[in-house]
């Protein structure tokens, strides 16, 4: 083969390689991955806005995703009703911000919510009381726990502790909006309960997850070292480390995040189910996105899969956590 012909051949191969790589980049698979033998659930937060902002598009996409993954339940990370919670279990907002919005059949499975600071601006106990009215709303107390079987196997379980982070923030006790409701919560009793719940978990529990409203770590500039973030971090970080909590899931910040600070616990934020706000990055950030959306969790005995989904139904981030090796992989 002559030199000019060889150069022409190499150039063609180069162009073909570029075309293949470009085509691969253009056709990147952003569809939701399904894990049929896993415990599958959706995590969303900061949503109740009478259908305003992006609440309705996100609700519709949640319905599609819930069907696709065959969800077992839905978790809300708090700030369930803006701007000042609900007044009672008969408040019209139950209809205008919840029942009339999340109408897809796939979302009429159990919801497990926690309370956010906006919920404390109203009557937090009304959200507990609504559990007696609604078939799908399950909040038996301001904090509670539940154990779920993986693929119906009682020897392979996931323990989820749903906590109330509001009374862990000292500044709230002097706050004229939150104070009267925060003071009625026994913080010491909750901490003792959480320690007992995590430490007494049977051997069948393969994963320990905790859900609360306020994040311990966040990349948003205004909250990364704010009084509420520092307060819950000081109160909970050492406890999570000691009792080997696999993941802490929060809302409060209107974004989607995955953070990996020192320790075994993965930290997730899912709080953009109706509003999205700007976000920055931290050295410990694996995901920091200001897109509207939610997350899916799929739990197998040895692996936890997490996917962040935007309002178009695109998976913008996915990660897997290997239990037996204590590995956290992207």
C-alpha atoms as a PDB file:
ATOM      1  CA  UNK A   1       0.000   0.000   0.000  1.00  0.00           C
ATOM      2  CA  UNK A   2       1.473   3.382  -1.046  1.00  0.00           C
ATOM      3  CA  UNK A   3       1.930   6.225   1.458  1.00  0.00           C
ATOM      4  CA  UNK A   4      -0.870   8.464   0.006  1.00  0.00           C
ATOM      5  CA  UNK A   5      -3.308   5.544  -0.028  1.00  0.00           C
ATOM      6  CA  UNK A   6      -2.338   4.611   3.524  1.00  0.00           C
ATOM      7  CA  UNK A   7      -2.897   8.180   4.725  1.00  0.00           C
ATOM      8  CA  UNK A   8      -6.283   8.252   3.008  1.00  0.00           C
ATOM      9  CA  UNK A   9      -7.220   4.931   4.670  1.00  0.00           C
ATOM     10  CA  UNK A  10      -6.160   6.137   8.145  1.00  0.00           C
ATOM     11  CA  UNK A  11      -8.151   9.348   7.658  1.00  0.00           C
ATOM     12  CA  UNK A  12     -11.282   7.369   6.747  1.00  0.00           C
ATOM     13  CA  UNK A  13     -10.887   5.143   9.814  1.00  0.00           C
ATOM     14  CA  UNK A  14     -10.476   8.249  11.992  1.00  0.00           C
ATOM     15  CA  UNK A  15     -13.621   9.842  10.562  1.00  0.00           C
ATOM     16  CA  UNK A  16     -15.592   6.613  11.031  1.00  0.00           C
ATOM     17  CA  UNK A  17     -14.435   6.356  14.652  1.00  0.00           C
ATOM     18  CA  UNK A  18     -15.494   9.940  15.324  1.00  0.00           C
ATOM     19  CA  UNK A  19     -18.894   9.247  13.769  1.00  0.00           C
ATOM     20  CA  UNK A  20     -19.433   6.146  15.901  1.00  0.00           C
ATOM     21  CA  UNK A  21     -18.420   7.989  19.092  1.00  0.00           C
ATOM     22  CA  UNK A  22     -20.652  10.956  18.235  1.00  0.00           C
ATOM     23  CA  UNK A  23     -23.586   8.648  17.508  1.00  0.00           C
ATOM     24  CA  UNK A  24     -23.018   6.892  20.845  1.00  0.00           C
ATOM     25  CA  UNK A  25     -23.012  10.214  22.658  1.00  0.00           C
ATOM     26  CA  UNK A  26     -26.175  11.302  20.840  1.00  0.00           C
ATOM     27  CA  UNK A  27     -28.002   8.077  21.721  1.00  0.00           C
ATOM     28  CA  UNK A  28     -27.017   7.856  25.389  1.00  0.00           C
ATOM     29  CA  UNK A  29     -29.644   5.837  27.214  1.00  0.00           C
ATOM     30  CA  UNK A  30     -31.467   8.060  29.708  1.00  0.00           C
ATOM     31  CA  UNK A  31     -34.377   5.684  30.278  1.00  0.00           C
ATOM     32  CA  UNK A  32     -35.233   4.385  33.739  1.00  0.00           C
ATOM     33  CA  UNK A  33     -33.649   1.052  34.642  1.00  0.00           C
ATOM     34  CA  UNK A  34     -35.944  -1.543  36.173  1.00  0.00           C
ATOM     35  CA  UNK A  35     -35.116  -3.968  38.983  1.00  0.00           C
ATOM     36  CA  UNK A  36     -38.090  -6.357  39.198  1.00  0.00           C
ATOM     37  CA  UNK A  37     -36.828  -8.317  42.223  1.00  0.00           C
ATOM     38  CA  UNK A  38     -35.964  -5.238  44.265  1.00  0.00           C
ATOM     39  CA  UNK A  39     -37.846  -3.128  46.780  1.00  0.00           C
ATOM     40  CA  UNK A  40     -38.658  -0.123  44.575  1.00  0.00           C
ATOM     41  CA  UNK A  41     -39.780   3.288  45.788  1.00  0.00           C
ATOM     42  CA  UNK A  42     -39.900   6.920  44.725  1.00  0.00           C
ATOM     43  CA  UNK A  43     -38.478   9.750  46.840  1.00  0.00           C
ATOM     44  CA  UNK A  44     -39.768  13.290  46.282  1.00  0.00           C
ATOM     45  CA  UNK A  45     -39.929  16.431  48.379  1.00  0.00           C
ATOM     46  CA  UNK A  46     -40.943  20.080  48.768  1.00  0.00           C
ATOM     47  CA  UNK A  47     -44.026  19.905  46.602  1.00  0.00           C
ATOM     48  CA  UNK A  48     -47.442  21.170  47.807  1.00  0.00           C
ATOM     49  CA  UNK A  49     -48.089  24.336  45.787  1.00  0.00           C
ATOM     50  CA  UNK A  50     -51.721  24.011  44.638  1.00  0.00           C
ATOM     51  CA  UNK A  51     -50.401  22.631  41.345  1.00  0.00           C
ATOM     52  CA  UNK A  52     -48.326  25.746  40.687  1.00  0.00           C
ATOM     53  CA  UNK A  53     -44.771  25.958  39.356  1.00  0.00           C
ATOM     54  CA  UNK A  54     -43.775  22.499  38.090  1.00  0.00           C
ATOM     55  CA  UNK A  55     -45.805  20.411  40.549  1.00  0.00           C
ATOM     56  CA  UNK A  56     -48.222  19.037  37.929  1.00  0.00           C
ATOM     57  CA  UNK A  57     -45.591  18.037  35.313  1.00  0.00           C
ATOM     58  CA  UNK A  58     -43.548  16.317  38.023  1.00  0.00           C
ATOM     59  CA  UNK A  59     -46.638  14.526  39.340  1.00  0.00           C
ATOM     60  CA  UNK A  60     -47.403  13.217  35.853  1.00  0.00           C
ATOM     61  CA  UNK A  61     -43.839  12.021  35.383  1.00  0.00           C
ATOM     62  CA  UNK A  62     -43.908  10.394  38.813  1.00  0.00           C
ATOM     63  CA  UNK A  63     -46.954   8.426  37.682  1.00  0.00           C
ATOM     64  CA  UNK A  64     -45.176   7.178  34.567  1.00  0.00           C
ATOM     65  CA  UNK A  65     -42.031   6.276  36.471  1.00  0.00           C
ATOM     66  CA  UNK A  66     -43.960   4.586  39.274  1.00  0.00           C
ATOM     67  CA  UNK A  67     -45.618   2.364  36.692  1.00  0.00           C
ATOM     68  CA  UNK A  68     -42.312   1.602  34.974  1.00  0.00           C
ATOM     69  CA  UNK A  69     -40.488   0.515  38.128  1.00  0.00           C
ATOM     70  CA  UNK A  70     -43.553  -1.104  39.718  1.00  0.00           C
ATOM     71  CA  UNK A  71     -43.102   1.003  42.829  1.00  0.00           C
ATOM     72  CA  UNK A  72     -43.883  -0.416  46.257  1.00  0.00           C
ATOM     73  CA  UNK A  73     -44.441   2.988  47.892  1.00  0.00           C
ATOM     74  CA  UNK A  74     -43.622   6.707  47.761  1.00  0.00           C
ATOM     75  CA  UNK A  75     -41.605   8.725  50.277  1.00  0.00           C
ATOM     76  CA  UNK A  76     -41.970  12.478  50.816  1.00  0.00           C
ATOM     77  CA  UNK A  77     -39.028  14.323  52.369  1.00  0.00           C
ATOM     78  CA  UNK A  78     -41.206  17.106  53.798  1.00  0.00           C
ATOM     79  CA  UNK A  79     -42.449  20.620  53.111  1.00  0.00           C
ATOM     80  CA  UNK A  80     -45.576  18.883  51.960  1.00  0.00           C
ATOM     81  CA  UNK A  81     -47.692  22.050  51.959  1.00  0.00           C
ATOM     82  CA  UNK A  82     -46.630  25.597  51.108  1.00  0.00           C
ATOM     83  CA  UNK A  83     -46.526  28.205  52.389  1.00  0.00           C
ATOM     84  CA  UNK A  84     -47.712  27.449  55.945  1.00  0.00           C
ATOM     85  CA  UNK A  85     -48.671  23.791  56.105  1.00  0.00           C
ATOM     86  CA  UNK A  86     -52.262  22.726  56.736  1.00  0.00           C
ATOM     87  CA  UNK A  87     -54.605  23.904  59.474  1.00  0.00           C
ATOM     88  CA  UNK A  88     -56.355  20.573  60.028  1.00  0.00           C
ATOM     89  CA  UNK A  89     -56.962  17.176  58.486  1.00  0.00           C
ATOM     90  CA  UNK A  90     -59.908  18.818  56.679  1.00  0.00           C
ATOM     91  CA  UNK A  91     -57.911  21.690  55.184  1.00  0.00           C
ATOM     92  CA  UNK A  92     -58.819  22.278  51.484  1.00  0.00           C
ATOM     93  CA  UNK A  93     -55.127  21.940  50.613  1.00  0.00           C
ATOM     94  CA  UNK A  94     -55.381  18.181  50.988  1.00  0.00           C
ATOM     95  CA  UNK A  95     -57.483  18.264  47.851  1.00  0.00           C
ATOM     96  CA  UNK A  96     -55.895  21.134  45.905  1.00  0.00           C
ATOM     97  CA  UNK A  97     -52.242  20.280  46.591  1.00  0.00           C
ATOM     98  CA  UNK A  98     -52.367  16.499  47.016  1.00  0.00           C
ATOM     99  CA  UNK A  99     -55.437  14.482  46.035  1.00  0.00           C
ATOM    100  CA  UNK A 100     -56.136  16.445  42.829  1.00  0.00           C
ATOM    101  CA  UNK A 101     -52.473  16.445  41.760  1.00  0.00           C
ATOM    102  CA  UNK A 102     -51.175  12.907  42.304  1.00  0.00           C
ATOM    103  CA  UNK A 103     -54.010  11.185  40.486  1.00  0.00           C
ATOM    104  CA  UNK A 104     -52.241   8.462  38.507  1.00  0.00           C
ATOM    105  CA  UNK A 105     -53.258   4.961  39.576  1.00  0.00           C
ATOM    106  CA  UNK A 106     -49.606   4.070  40.150  1.00  0.00           C
ATOM    107  CA  UNK A 107     -49.400   6.763  42.850  1.00  0.00           C
ATOM    108  CA  UNK A 108     -52.304   5.355  44.840  1.00  0.00           C
ATOM    109  CA  UNK A 109     -49.949   3.167  46.829  1.00  0.00           C
ATOM    110  CA  UNK A 110     -48.693   3.968  50.328  1.00  0.00           C
ATOM    111  CA  UNK A 111     -47.038   7.341  50.910  1.00  0.00           C
ATOM    112  CA  UNK A 112     -44.637   7.718  53.848  1.00  0.00           C
ATOM    113  CA  UNK A 113     -44.013  11.432  54.576  1.00  0.00           C
ATOM    114  CA  UNK A 114     -41.910  13.372  57.062  1.00  0.00           C
ATOM    115  CA  UNK A 115     -42.498  16.921  58.268  1.00  0.00           C
ATOM    116  CA  UNK A 116     -40.668  19.961  56.914  1.00  0.00           C
ATOM    117  CA  UNK A 117     -40.288  23.423  58.372  1.00  0.00           C
ATOM    118  CA  UNK A 118     -43.163  24.771  56.248  1.00  0.00           C
ATOM    119  CA  UNK A 119     -45.364  22.013  57.657  1.00  0.00           C
ATOM    120  CA  UNK A 120     -44.467  23.243  61.140  1.00  0.00           C
ATOM    121  CA  UNK A 121     -45.769  26.690  60.222  1.00  0.00           C
ATOM    122  CA  UNK A 122     -49.233  25.134  60.213  1.00  0.00           C
ATOM    123  CA  UNK A 123     -50.483  22.209  62.283  1.00  0.00           C
ATOM    124  CA  UNK A 124     -48.034  19.297  61.989  1.00  0.00           C
ATOM    125  CA  UNK A 125     -50.316  16.945  63.890  1.00  0.00           C
ATOM    126  CA  UNK A 126     -53.008  17.478  61.246  1.00  0.00           C
ATOM    127  CA  UNK A 127     -50.763  15.568  58.848  1.00  0.00           C
ATOM    128  CA  UNK A 128     -50.647  12.712  61.327  1.00  0.00           C
ATOM    129  CA  UNK A 129     -54.442  12.847  61.679  1.00  0.00           C
ATOM    130  CA  UNK A 130     -54.960  12.696  57.907  1.00  0.00           C
ATOM    131  CA  UNK A 131     -53.636   9.122  58.014  1.00  0.00           C
ATOM    132  CA  UNK A 132     -57.025   8.118  59.459  1.00  0.00           C
ATOM    133  CA  UNK A 133     -58.815   9.688  56.501  1.00  0.00           C
ATOM    134  CA  UNK A 134     -56.602   8.777  53.563  1.00  0.00           C
ATOM    135  CA  UNK A 135     -55.961   5.264  52.339  1.00  0.00           C
ATOM    136  CA  UNK A 136     -52.509   6.152  50.995  1.00  0.00           C
ATOM    137  CA  UNK A 137     -51.193   8.801  53.412  1.00  0.00           C
ATOM    138  CA  UNK A 138     -49.289   6.984  56.180  1.00  0.00           C
ATOM    139  CA  UNK A 139     -47.863   9.159  58.953  1.00  0.00           C
ATOM    140  CA  UNK A 140     -48.650   7.428  62.254  1.00  0.00           C
ATOM    141  CA  UNK A 141     -46.641   9.976  64.279  1.00  0.00           C
ATOM    142  CA  UNK A 142     -44.233  12.860  63.825  1.00  0.00           C
ATOM    143  CA  UNK A 143     -41.489  10.239  63.676  1.00  0.00           C
ATOM    144  CA  UNK A 144     -41.816   6.512  63.056  1.00  0.00           C
ATOM    145  CA  UNK A 145     -40.120   3.531  61.415  1.00  0.00           C
ATOM    146  CA  UNK A 146     -41.102   0.699  59.131  1.00  0.00           C
ATOM    147  CA  UNK A 147     -39.429  -2.495  57.944  1.00  0.00           C
ATOM    148  CA  UNK A 148     -39.946  -3.644  54.347  1.00  0.00           C
ATOM    149  CA  UNK A 149     -39.281  -7.061  52.837  1.00  0.00           C
ATOM    150  CA  UNK A 150     -37.138  -7.285  49.715  1.00  0.00           C
ATOM    151  CA  UNK A 151     -39.014  -9.241  47.050  1.00  0.00           C
ATOM    152  CA  UNK A 152     -41.345 -10.603  49.720  1.00  0.00           C
ATOM    153  CA  UNK A 153     -38.519 -12.252  51.691  1.00  0.00           C
ATOM    154  CA  UNK A 154     -38.746 -11.589  55.444  1.00  0.00           C
ATOM    155  CA  UNK A 155     -35.118 -12.681  55.810  1.00  0.00           C
ATOM    156  CA  UNK A 156     -33.987  -9.839  53.533  1.00  0.00           C
ATOM    157  CA  UNK A 157     -35.290  -6.509  54.814  1.00  0.00           C
ATOM    158  CA  UNK A 158     -34.871  -2.741  54.660  1.00  0.00           C
ATOM    159  CA  UNK A 159     -35.358  -0.639  57.793  1.00  0.00           C
ATOM    160  CA  UNK A 160     -36.397   2.962  57.210  1.00  0.00           C
ATOM    161  CA  UNK A 161     -36.560   5.431  60.095  1.00  0.00           C
ATOM    162  CA  UNK A 162     -38.671   8.508  59.298  1.00  0.00           C
ATOM    163  CA  UNK A 163     -37.487  11.270  61.606  1.00  0.00           C
ATOM    164  CA  UNK A 164     -38.546  14.819  62.497  1.00  0.00           C
ATOM    165  CA  UNK A 165     -35.541  17.126  62.103  1.00  0.00           C
ATOM    166  CA  UNK A 166     -37.357  20.356  63.023  1.00  0.00           C
ATOM    167  CA  UNK A 167     -36.955  20.078  66.818  1.00  0.00           C
ATOM    168  CA  UNK A 168     -33.238  19.325  66.338  1.00  0.00           C
ATOM    169  CA  UNK A 169     -32.688  22.975  65.354  1.00  0.00           C
ATOM    170  CA  UNK A 170     -32.293  25.186  68.487  1.00  0.00           C
ATOM    171  CA  UNK A 171     -33.137  28.414  66.618  1.00  0.00           C
ATOM    172  CA  UNK A 172     -36.617  27.111  65.839  1.00  0.00           C
ATOM    173  CA  UNK A 173     -37.625  27.236  69.500  1.00  0.00           C
ATOM    174  CA  UNK A 174     -37.404  31.034  69.457  1.00  0.00           C
ATOM    175  CA  UNK A 175     -39.017  31.339  66.034  1.00  0.00           C
ATOM    176  CA  UNK A 176     -42.485  32.890  66.225  1.00  0.00           C
ATOM    177  CA  UNK A 177     -43.696  30.770  63.283  1.00  0.00           C
ATOM    178  CA  UNK A 178     -42.320  27.329  64.256  1.00  0.00           C
ATOM    179  CA  UNK A 179     -41.776  27.743  67.993  1.00  0.00           C
ATOM    180  CA  UNK A 180     -45.191  26.794  69.364  1.00  0.00           C
ATOM    181  CA  UNK A 181     -45.179  23.481  67.475  1.00  0.00           C
ATOM    182  CA  UNK A 182     -41.513  22.620  67.904  1.00  0.00           C
ATOM    183  CA  UNK A 183     -41.687  23.008  71.667  1.00  0.00           C
ATOM    184  CA  UNK A 184     -44.315  20.274  71.826  1.00  0.00           C
ATOM    185  CA  UNK A 185     -41.833  17.723  70.465  1.00  0.00           C
ATOM    186  CA  UNK A 186     -39.584  15.786  72.863  1.00  0.00           C
ATOM    187  CA  UNK A 187     -36.181  15.854  71.150  1.00  0.00           C
ATOM    188  CA  UNK A 188     -34.492  13.621  73.721  1.00  0.00           C
ATOM    189  CA  UNK A 189     -37.203  10.985  73.367  1.00  0.00           C
ATOM    190  CA  UNK A 190     -36.832  10.997  69.579  1.00  0.00           C
ATOM    191  CA  UNK A 191     -33.055  10.564  69.754  1.00  0.00           C
ATOM    192  CA  UNK A 192     -33.413   7.671  72.202  1.00  0.00           C
ATOM    193  CA  UNK A 193     -36.024   6.101  69.939  1.00  0.00           C
ATOM    194  CA  UNK A 194     -33.797   6.454  66.872  1.00  0.00           C
ATOM    195  CA  UNK A 195     -30.810   4.881  68.627  1.00  0.00           C
ATOM    196  CA  UNK A 196     -32.941   1.982  69.797  1.00  0.00           C
ATOM    197  CA  UNK A 197     -34.522   1.547  66.360  1.00  0.00           C
ATOM    198  CA  UNK A 198     -31.142   1.381  64.623  1.00  0.00           C
ATOM    199  CA  UNK A 199     -29.310  -0.653  67.257  1.00  0.00           C
ATOM    200  CA  UNK A 200     -32.082  -3.233  67.752  1.00  0.00           C
ATOM    201  CA  UNK A 201     -32.501  -3.959  64.044  1.00  0.00           C
ATOM    202  CA  UNK A 202     -32.678  -7.758  63.531  1.00  0.00           C
ATOM    203  CA  UNK A 203     -30.173  -9.663  61.396  1.00  0.00           C
ATOM    204  CA  UNK A 204     -32.762  -9.823  58.625  1.00  0.00           C
ATOM    205  CA  UNK A 205     -32.261  -6.074  58.084  1.00  0.00           C
ATOM    206  CA  UNK A 206     -29.683  -5.693  55.329  1.00  0.00           C
ATOM    207  CA  UNK A 207     -30.040  -1.934  54.872  1.00  0.00           C
ATOM    208  CA  UNK A 208     -30.643   0.935  57.305  1.00  0.00           C
ATOM    209  CA  UNK A 209     -32.037   4.122  55.790  1.00  0.00           C
ATOM    210  CA  UNK A 210     -33.089   7.325  57.529  1.00  0.00           C
ATOM    211  CA  UNK A 211     -35.416   9.948  56.017  1.00  0.00           C
ATOM    212  CA  UNK A 212     -35.619  13.502  57.357  1.00  0.00           C
ATOM    213  CA  UNK A 213     -36.323  16.947  55.984  1.00  0.00           C
ATOM    214  CA  UNK A 214     -33.125  18.881  56.623  1.00  0.00           C
ATOM    215  CA  UNK A 215     -29.867  17.745  54.969  1.00  0.00           C
ATOM    216  CA  UNK A 216     -26.666  17.238  56.943  1.00  0.00           C
ATOM    217  CA  UNK A 217     -24.624  18.210  53.896  1.00  0.00           C
ATOM    218  CA  UNK A 218     -25.614  20.333  50.908  1.00  0.00           C
ATOM    219  CA  UNK A 219     -23.885  22.099  48.032  1.00  0.00           C
ATOM    220  CA  UNK A 220     -26.218  25.102  47.943  1.00  0.00           C
ATOM    221  CA  UNK A 221     -24.303  28.224  48.889  1.00  0.00           C
ATOM    222  CA  UNK A 222     -26.802  29.668  51.364  1.00  0.00           C
ATOM    223  CA  UNK A 223     -27.326  26.445  53.305  1.00  0.00           C
ATOM    224  CA  UNK A 224     -24.071  24.492  53.322  1.00  0.00           C
ATOM    225  CA  UNK A 225     -23.077  26.080  56.648  1.00  0.00           C
ATOM    226  CA  UNK A 226     -26.409  27.604  57.684  1.00  0.00           C
ATOM    227  CA  UNK A 227     -27.719  27.238  61.218  1.00  0.00           C
ATOM    228  CA  UNK A 228     -30.186  24.465  60.343  1.00  0.00           C
ATOM    229  CA  UNK A 229     -27.698  22.385  58.331  1.00  0.00           C
ATOM    230  CA  UNK A 230     -25.056  22.647  61.064  1.00  0.00           C
ATOM    231  CA  UNK A 231     -27.583  21.813  63.777  1.00  0.00           C
ATOM    232  CA  UNK A 232     -28.822  18.560  62.231  1.00  0.00           C
ATOM    233  CA  UNK A 233     -25.266  17.572  61.270  1.00  0.00           C
ATOM    234  CA  UNK A 234     -24.093  18.075  64.844  1.00  0.00           C
ATOM    235  CA  UNK A 235     -27.062  16.123  66.173  1.00  0.00           C
ATOM    236  CA  UNK A 236     -27.047  13.180  63.760  1.00  0.00           C
ATOM    237  CA  UNK A 237     -23.704  12.629  61.976  1.00  0.00           C
ATOM    238  CA  UNK A 238     -21.960  10.686  64.767  1.00  0.00           C
ATOM    239  CA  UNK A 239     -25.123   8.656  65.359  1.00  0.00           C
ATOM    240  CA  UNK A 240     -25.316   7.649  61.691  1.00  0.00           C
ATOM    241  CA  UNK A 241     -21.641   6.678  61.751  1.00  0.00           C
ATOM    242  CA  UNK A 242     -21.950   4.643  64.941  1.00  0.00           C
ATOM    243  CA  UNK A 243     -24.995   2.660  63.835  1.00  0.00           C
ATOM    244  CA  UNK A 244     -23.823   2.322  60.220  1.00  0.00           C
ATOM    245  CA  UNK A 245     -26.710   4.012  58.470  1.00  0.00           C
ATOM    246  CA  UNK A 246     -26.381   3.233  54.763  1.00  0.00           C
ATOM    247  CA  UNK A 247     -28.158   6.329  53.470  1.00  0.00           C
ATOM    248  CA  UNK A 248     -29.738   9.497  54.785  1.00  0.00           C
ATOM    249  CA  UNK A 249     -32.384  10.986  52.499  1.00  0.00           C
ATOM    250  CA  UNK A 250     -33.530  14.607  52.863  1.00  0.00           C
ATOM    251  CA  UNK A 251     -35.284  17.467  51.086  1.00  0.00           C
ATOM    252  CA  UNK A 252     -35.372  21.174  52.094  1.00  0.00           C
ATOM    253  CA  UNK A 253     -33.047  22.237  49.273  1.00  0.00           C
ATOM    254  CA  UNK A 254     -34.949  22.391  45.991  1.00  0.00           C
ATOM    255  CA  UNK A 255     -32.563  20.269  43.974  1.00  0.00           C
ATOM    256  CA  UNK A 256     -31.218  16.750  43.501  1.00  0.00           C
ATOM    257  CA  UNK A 257     -27.998  15.769  45.251  1.00  0.00           C
ATOM    258  CA  UNK A 258     -25.782  12.829  46.169  1.00  0.00           C
ATOM    259  CA  UNK A 259     -22.943  13.570  48.570  1.00  0.00           C
ATOM    260  CA  UNK A 260     -20.211  11.306  49.940  1.00  0.00           C
ATOM    261  CA  UNK A 261     -18.571  12.792  53.034  1.00  0.00           C
ATOM    262  CA  UNK A 262     -16.280  10.820  55.304  1.00  0.00           C
ATOM    263  CA  UNK A 263     -17.982   7.711  56.700  1.00  0.00           C
ATOM    264  CA  UNK A 264     -20.162   4.915  55.366  1.00  0.00           C
ATOM    265  CA  UNK A 265     -23.371   6.906  54.953  1.00  0.00           C
ATOM    266  CA  UNK A 266     -24.480   8.134  51.531  1.00  0.00           C
ATOM    267  CA  UNK A 267     -26.350  11.441  51.668  1.00  0.00           C
ATOM    268  CA  UNK A 268     -29.133  12.210  49.190  1.00  0.00           C
ATOM    269  CA  UNK A 269     -31.288  15.304  48.700  1.00  0.00           C
ATOM    270  CA  UNK A 270     -34.537  15.079  46.721  1.00  0.00           C
ATOM    271  CA  UNK A 271     -36.425  18.338  47.114  1.00  0.00           C
ATOM    272  CA  UNK A 272     -37.329  19.585  43.623  1.00  0.00           C
ATOM    273  CA  UNK A 273     -40.763  18.059  43.094  1.00  0.00           C
ATOM    274  CA  UNK A 274     -42.281  21.460  42.320  1.00  0.00           C
ATOM    275  CA  UNK A 275     -39.550  24.094  42.514  1.00  0.00           C
ATOM    276  CA  UNK A 276     -35.873  24.077  41.497  1.00  0.00           C
ATOM    277  CA  UNK A 277     -33.297  26.577  42.752  1.00  0.00           C
ATOM    278  CA  UNK A 278     -29.616  27.214  41.893  1.00  0.00           C
ATOM    279  CA  UNK A 279     -26.946  24.929  43.288  1.00  0.00           C
ATOM    280  CA  UNK A 280     -23.165  24.841  43.482  1.00  0.00           C
ATOM    281  CA  UNK A 281     -20.761  21.927  44.080  1.00  0.00           C
ATOM    282  CA  UNK A 282     -18.738  20.576  46.977  1.00  0.00           C
ATOM    283  CA  UNK A 283     -15.683  18.300  46.809  1.00  0.00           C
ATOM    284  CA  UNK A 284     -17.952  15.555  48.196  1.00  0.00           C
ATOM    285  CA  UNK A 285     -20.658  16.117  45.543  1.00  0.00           C
ATOM    286  CA  UNK A 286     -21.388  13.224  43.178  1.00  0.00           C
ATOM    287  CA  UNK A 287     -24.617  14.810  41.945  1.00  0.00           C
ATOM    288  CA  UNK A 288     -25.619  18.463  42.233  1.00  0.00           C
ATOM    289  CA  UNK A 289     -28.489  19.327  39.900  1.00  0.00           C
ATOM    290  CA  UNK A 290     -31.030  22.147  39.995  1.00  0.00           C
ATOM    291  CA  UNK A 291     -33.446  20.260  37.722  1.00  0.00           C
ATOM    292  CA  UNK A 292     -37.054  19.606  38.675  1.00  0.00           C
ATOM    293  CA  UNK A 293     -37.455  15.948  39.544  1.00  0.00           C
ATOM    294  CA  UNK A 294     -37.320  13.115  42.044  1.00  0.00           C
ATOM    295  CA  UNK A 295     -35.383   9.926  42.767  1.00  0.00           C
ATOM    296  CA  UNK A 296     -36.022   6.208  42.572  1.00  0.00           C
ATOM    297  CA  UNK A 297     -34.496   3.696  44.968  1.00  0.00           C
ATOM    298  CA  UNK A 298     -34.255   0.006  44.130  1.00  0.00           C
ATOM    299  CA  UNK A 299     -32.961  -2.186  46.940  1.00  0.00           C
ATOM    300  CA  UNK A 300     -31.629  -5.725  46.551  1.00  0.00           C
ATOM    301  CA  UNK A 301     -30.015  -7.682  49.402  1.00  0.00           C
ATOM    302  CA  UNK A 302     -26.501  -6.738  48.257  1.00  0.00           C
ATOM    303  CA  UNK A 303     -27.006  -3.604  46.139  1.00  0.00           C
ATOM    304  CA  UNK A 304     -28.842  -0.290  46.389  1.00  0.00           C
ATOM    305  CA  UNK A 305     -29.543   1.462  43.084  1.00  0.00           C
ATOM    306  CA  UNK A 306     -30.488   5.149  42.980  1.00  0.00           C
ATOM    307  CA  UNK A 307     -31.641   7.062  39.902  1.00  0.00           C
ATOM    308  CA  UNK A 308     -32.379  10.792  39.634  1.00  0.00           C
ATOM    309  CA  UNK A 309     -35.202  11.502  37.186  1.00  0.00           C
ATOM    310  CA  UNK A 310     -36.109  14.896  35.710  1.00  0.00           C
ATOM    311  CA  UNK A 311     -39.548  16.099  34.622  1.00  0.00           C
ATOM    312  CA  UNK A 312     -38.968  14.750  31.106  1.00  0.00           C
ATOM    313  CA  UNK A 313     -38.478  11.261  32.493  1.00  0.00           C
ATOM    314  CA  UNK A 314     -34.750  11.293  31.768  1.00  0.00           C
ATOM    315  CA  UNK A 315     -32.348   9.655  34.191  1.00  0.00           C
ATOM    316  CA  UNK A 316     -29.788  12.404  34.779  1.00  0.00           C
ATOM    317  CA  UNK A 317     -27.743  10.436  37.326  1.00  0.00           C
ATOM    318  CA  UNK A 318     -27.510   6.903  38.633  1.00  0.00           C
ATOM    319  CA  UNK A 319     -25.374   5.204  41.245  1.00  0.00           C
ATOM    320  CA  UNK A 320     -25.102   1.850  42.953  1.00  0.00           C
ATOM    321  CA  UNK A 321     -23.995   1.042  46.464  1.00  0.00           C
ATOM    322  CA  UNK A 322     -22.589  -2.420  47.092  1.00  0.00           C
ATOM    323  CA  UNK A 323     -23.424  -3.656  50.560  1.00  0.00           C
ATOM    324  CA  UNK A 324     -21.045  -6.562  51.023  1.00  0.00           C
ATOM    325  CA  UNK A 325     -17.972  -4.631  49.882  1.00  0.00           C
ATOM    326  CA  UNK A 326     -19.044  -1.285  51.343  1.00  0.00           C
ATOM    327  CA  UNK A 327     -18.326   0.189  47.922  1.00  0.00           C
ATOM    328  CA  UNK A 328     -20.011   3.283  46.511  1.00  0.00           C
ATOM    329  CA  UNK A 329     -19.892   3.300  42.765  1.00  0.00           C
ATOM    330  CA  UNK A 330     -21.175   5.674  40.131  1.00  0.00           C
END
